[in-house]
C-alpha atoms as a PDB file:
ATOM      1  CA  UNK A   1      48.781 111.384 145.044  1.00  0.00           C
ATOM      2  CA  UNK A   2      48.643 114.176 142.463  1.00  0.00           C
ATOM      3  CA  UNK A   3      47.400 116.636 145.086  1.00  0.00           C
ATOM      4  CA  UNK A   4      50.344 115.845 147.356  1.00  0.00           C
ATOM      5  CA  UNK A   5      52.792 116.263 144.465  1.00  0.00           C
ATOM      6  CA  UNK A   6      51.266 119.645 143.597  1.00  0.00           C
ATOM      7  CA  UNK A   7      51.466 120.694 147.256  1.00  0.00           C
ATOM      8  CA  UNK A   8      55.132 119.740 147.582  1.00  0.00           C
ATOM      9  CA  UNK A   9      56.176 121.363 144.312  1.00  0.00           C
ATOM     10  CA  UNK A  10      54.340 124.612 144.942  1.00  0.00           C
ATOM     11  CA  UNK A  11      56.599 127.654 144.688  1.00  0.00           C
ATOM     12  CA  UNK A  12      55.751 129.081 148.100  1.00  0.00           C
ATOM     13  CA  UNK A  13      56.777 125.921 149.929  1.00  0.00           C
ATOM     14  CA  UNK A  14      60.127 125.776 148.135  1.00  0.00           C
ATOM     15  CA  UNK A  15      60.779 129.469 148.839  1.00  0.00           C
ATOM     16  CA  UNK A  16      59.916 128.941 152.500  1.00  0.00           C
ATOM     17  CA  UNK A  17      62.316 125.996 152.748  1.00  0.00           C
ATOM     18  CA  UNK A  18      65.128 128.020 151.174  1.00  0.00           C
ATOM     19  CA  UNK A  19      64.424 130.924 153.533  1.00  0.00           C
ATOM     20  CA  UNK A  20      64.516 128.574 156.530  1.00  0.00           C
ATOM     21  CA  UNK A  21      67.885 127.103 155.515  1.00  0.00           C
ATOM     22  CA  UNK A  22      69.331 130.564 154.854  1.00  0.00           C
ATOM     23  CA  UNK A  23      68.060 131.847 158.213  1.00  0.00           C
ATOM     24  CA  UNK A  24      69.625 128.910 160.038  1.00  0.00           C
ATOM     25  CA  UNK A  25      72.960 129.551 158.338  1.00  0.00           C
ATOM     26  CA  UNK A  26      72.774 133.285 158.958  1.00  0.00           C
ATOM     27  CA  UNK A  27      71.945 132.731 162.642  1.00  0.00           C
ATOM     28  CA  UNK A  28      75.532 131.582 163.218  1.00  0.00           C
ATOM     29  CA  UNK A  29      76.859 134.824 161.711  1.00  0.00           C
ATOM     30  CA  UNK A  30      74.550 136.961 163.832  1.00  0.00           C
ATOM     31  CA  UNK A  31      75.395 134.997 166.988  1.00  0.00           C
ATOM     32  CA  UNK A  32      79.125 135.408 166.354  1.00  0.00           C
ATOM     33  CA  UNK A  33      78.656 139.150 165.815  1.00  0.00           C
ATOM     34  CA  UNK A  34      76.658 139.483 169.031  1.00  0.00           C
ATOM     35  CA  UNK A  35      79.306 137.512 170.946  1.00  0.00           C
ATOM     36  CA  UNK A  36      82.042 139.736 169.519  1.00  0.00           C
ATOM     37  CA  UNK A  37      80.207 142.901 170.524  1.00  0.00           C
ATOM     38  CA  UNK A  38      79.394 141.474 173.965  1.00  0.00           C
ATOM     39  CA  UNK A  39      83.106 140.731 174.449  1.00  0.00           C
ATOM     40  CA  UNK A  40      83.879 144.358 173.601  1.00  0.00           C
ATOM     41  CA  UNK A  41      81.217 145.517 176.071  1.00  0.00           C
ATOM     42  CA  UNK A  42      82.672 143.092 178.620  1.00  0.00           C
ATOM     43  CA  UNK A  43      86.148 144.562 178.177  1.00  0.00           C
ATOM     44  CA  UNK A  44      84.753 148.026 178.822  1.00  0.00           C
ATOM     45  CA  UNK A  45      82.661 146.798 181.756  1.00  0.00           C
ATOM     46  CA  UNK A  46      85.380 144.630 183.264  1.00  0.00           C
ATOM     47  CA  UNK A  47      83.659 141.230 182.885  1.00  0.00           C
ATOM     48  CA  UNK A  48      82.433 139.170 179.913  1.00  0.00           C
ATOM     49  CA  UNK A  49      78.818 139.590 180.978  1.00  0.00           C
ATOM     50  CA  UNK A  50      76.762 141.122 183.756  1.00  0.00           C
ATOM     51  CA  UNK A  51      75.364 137.903 185.260  1.00  0.00           C
ATOM     52  CA  UNK A  52      77.168 138.486 188.587  1.00  0.00           C
ATOM     53  CA  UNK A  53      75.903 142.071 188.889  1.00  0.00           C
ATOM     54  CA  UNK A  54      73.446 142.349 191.788  1.00  0.00           C
ATOM     55  CA  UNK A  55      73.075 145.826 193.293  1.00  0.00           C
ATOM     56  CA  UNK A  56      71.466 145.664 196.716  1.00  0.00           C
ATOM     57  CA  UNK A  57      71.213 141.882 196.550  1.00  0.00           C
ATOM     58  CA  UNK A  58      68.854 141.912 193.538  1.00  0.00           C
ATOM     59  CA  UNK A  59      70.166 139.745 190.700  1.00  0.00           C
ATOM     60  CA  UNK A  60      69.547 141.896 187.642  1.00  0.00           C
ATOM     61  CA  UNK A  61      72.783 141.032 185.856  1.00  0.00           C
ATOM     62  CA  UNK A  62      71.355 138.162 183.779  1.00  0.00           C
ATOM     63  CA  UNK A  63      68.497 140.402 182.655  1.00  0.00           C
ATOM     64  CA  UNK A  64      70.892 143.201 181.692  1.00  0.00           C
ATOM     65  CA  UNK A  65      73.036 140.739 179.718  1.00  0.00           C
ATOM     66  CA  UNK A  66      69.985 139.350 177.907  1.00  0.00           C
ATOM     67  CA  UNK A  67      68.580 142.809 177.168  1.00  0.00           C
ATOM     68  CA  UNK A  68      71.919 144.037 175.849  1.00  0.00           C
ATOM     69  CA  UNK A  69      72.319 140.917 173.697  1.00  0.00           C
ATOM     70  CA  UNK A  70      68.829 141.460 172.289  1.00  0.00           C
ATOM     71  CA  UNK A  71      69.533 145.104 171.443  1.00  0.00           C
ATOM     72  CA  UNK A  72      72.797 144.195 169.733  1.00  0.00           C
ATOM     73  CA  UNK A  73      71.066 141.392 167.824  1.00  0.00           C
ATOM     74  CA  UNK A  74      68.271 143.734 166.707  1.00  0.00           C
ATOM     75  CA  UNK A  75      70.799 146.340 165.559  1.00  0.00           C
ATOM     76  CA  UNK A  76      72.816 143.759 163.603  1.00  0.00           C
ATOM     77  CA  UNK A  77      69.710 142.386 161.880  1.00  0.00           C
ATOM     78  CA  UNK A  78      68.461 145.888 161.076  1.00  0.00           C
ATOM     79  CA  UNK A  79      71.703 147.257 159.667  1.00  0.00           C
ATOM     80  CA  UNK A  80      72.821 144.060 157.900  1.00  0.00           C
ATOM     81  CA  UNK A  81      69.490 142.810 156.495  1.00  0.00           C
ATOM     82  CA  UNK A  82      66.574 145.227 156.770  1.00  0.00           C
ATOM     83  CA  UNK A  83      68.251 148.508 155.789  1.00  0.00           C
ATOM     84  CA  UNK A  84      70.121 147.172 152.704  1.00  0.00           C
ATOM     85  CA  UNK A  85      67.017 145.242 151.601  1.00  0.00           C
ATOM     86  CA  UNK A  86      64.849 148.360 151.857  1.00  0.00           C
ATOM     87  CA  UNK A  87      67.361 150.453 149.910  1.00  0.00           C
ATOM     88  CA  UNK A  88      67.690 147.799 147.180  1.00  0.00           C
ATOM     89  CA  UNK A  89      63.923 147.347 146.964  1.00  0.00           C
ATOM     90  CA  UNK A  90      63.337 151.091 146.551  1.00  0.00           C
ATOM     91  CA  UNK A  91      66.149 151.335 144.004  1.00  0.00           C
ATOM     92  CA  UNK A  92      65.252 148.388 141.778  1.00  0.00           C
ATOM     93  CA  UNK A  93      61.480 148.215 142.327  1.00  0.00           C
ATOM     94  CA  UNK A  94      60.210 151.773 142.781  1.00  0.00           C
ATOM     95  CA  UNK A  95      56.631 152.060 143.935  1.00  0.00           C
ATOM     96  CA  UNK A  96      54.279 153.253 141.216  1.00  0.00           C
ATOM     97  CA  UNK A  97      52.888 156.739 141.424  1.00  0.00           C
ATOM     98  CA  UNK A  98      49.375 156.683 142.831  1.00  0.00           C
ATOM     99  CA  UNK A  99      46.940 157.393 140.041  1.00  0.00           C
ATOM    100  CA  UNK A 100      43.387 158.619 140.142  1.00  0.00           C
ATOM    101  CA  UNK A 101      41.159 156.010 141.811  1.00  0.00           C
ATOM    102  CA  UNK A 102      38.630 154.244 139.603  1.00  0.00           C
ATOM    103  CA  UNK A 103      35.617 155.700 141.421  1.00  0.00           C
ATOM    104  CA  UNK A 104      36.912 159.236 140.880  1.00  0.00           C
ATOM    105  CA  UNK A 105      37.497 158.508 137.179  1.00  0.00           C
ATOM    106  CA  UNK A 106      33.948 157.201 136.901  1.00  0.00           C
ATOM    107  CA  UNK A 107      32.541 160.282 138.614  1.00  0.00           C
ATOM    108  CA  UNK A 108      34.531 162.514 136.258  1.00  0.00           C
ATOM    109  CA  UNK A 109      33.133 160.639 133.256  1.00  0.00           C
ATOM    110  CA  UNK A 110      29.593 161.022 134.605  1.00  0.00           C
ATOM    111  CA  UNK A 111      30.181 164.738 135.162  1.00  0.00           C
ATOM    112  CA  UNK A 112      31.518 165.188 131.651  1.00  0.00           C
ATOM    113  CA  UNK A 113      28.641 163.183 130.167  1.00  0.00           C
ATOM    114  CA  UNK A 114      26.053 165.262 132.045  1.00  0.00           C
ATOM    115  CA  UNK A 115      27.777 168.445 130.970  1.00  0.00           C
ATOM    116  CA  UNK A 116      27.760 167.379 127.315  1.00  0.00           C
ATOM    117  CA  UNK A 117      24.052 166.415 127.496  1.00  0.00           C
ATOM    118  CA  UNK A 118      23.112 169.852 128.835  1.00  0.00           C
ATOM    119  CA  UNK A 119      24.553 171.489 125.762  1.00  0.00           C
ATOM    120  CA  UNK A 120      27.089 174.207 125.212  1.00  0.00           C
ATOM    121  CA  UNK A 121      25.731 176.620 127.845  1.00  0.00           C
ATOM    122  CA  UNK A 122      25.484 174.022 130.588  1.00  0.00           C
ATOM    123  CA  UNK A 123      28.914 172.619 129.889  1.00  0.00           C
ATOM    124  CA  UNK A 124      30.596 175.836 130.925  1.00  0.00           C
ATOM    125  CA  UNK A 125      28.861 175.906 134.332  1.00  0.00           C
ATOM    126  CA  UNK A 126      30.584 172.720 135.488  1.00  0.00           C
ATOM    127  CA  UNK A 127      34.330 173.295 135.612  1.00  0.00           C
ATOM    128  CA  UNK A 128      36.422 170.258 134.616  1.00  0.00           C
ATOM    129  CA  UNK A 129      38.572 170.271 137.723  1.00  0.00           C
ATOM    130  CA  UNK A 130      40.234 167.392 139.452  1.00  0.00           C
ATOM    131  CA  UNK A 131      38.397 166.528 142.675  1.00  0.00           C
ATOM    132  CA  UNK A 132      40.327 166.693 145.931  1.00  0.00           C
ATOM    133  CA  UNK A 133      42.023 163.497 147.021  1.00  0.00           C
ATOM    134  CA  UNK A 134      40.980 161.846 150.219  1.00  0.00           C
END
């Protein structure tokens, strides 16, 4: 029973449940926005959707309506969620500057140690430069 309690109270499961509830609530907002934009497109096109459009007898209207709805949905999600999230993440949690990798630091230490063991004359033959990054 303790294992089940630990599983249920784990942080990741709670965060996932909250995200699921928020996504379900936000889906209504996105759907309403898509419907609003489709109504605007319908006013321009002369009908609320393109389901009756069939040039040459080929019914492509439902596909056009679905594709347009998908593009509008993707644009709404991108500009309302993804773009602001990315800007906020970069602003409040900047990525750390990439430092020198550990293997390069180790090689530099080995180089410096070998140079110091060779004495004063040998130390000047090995320049203490930073190796090129890969």
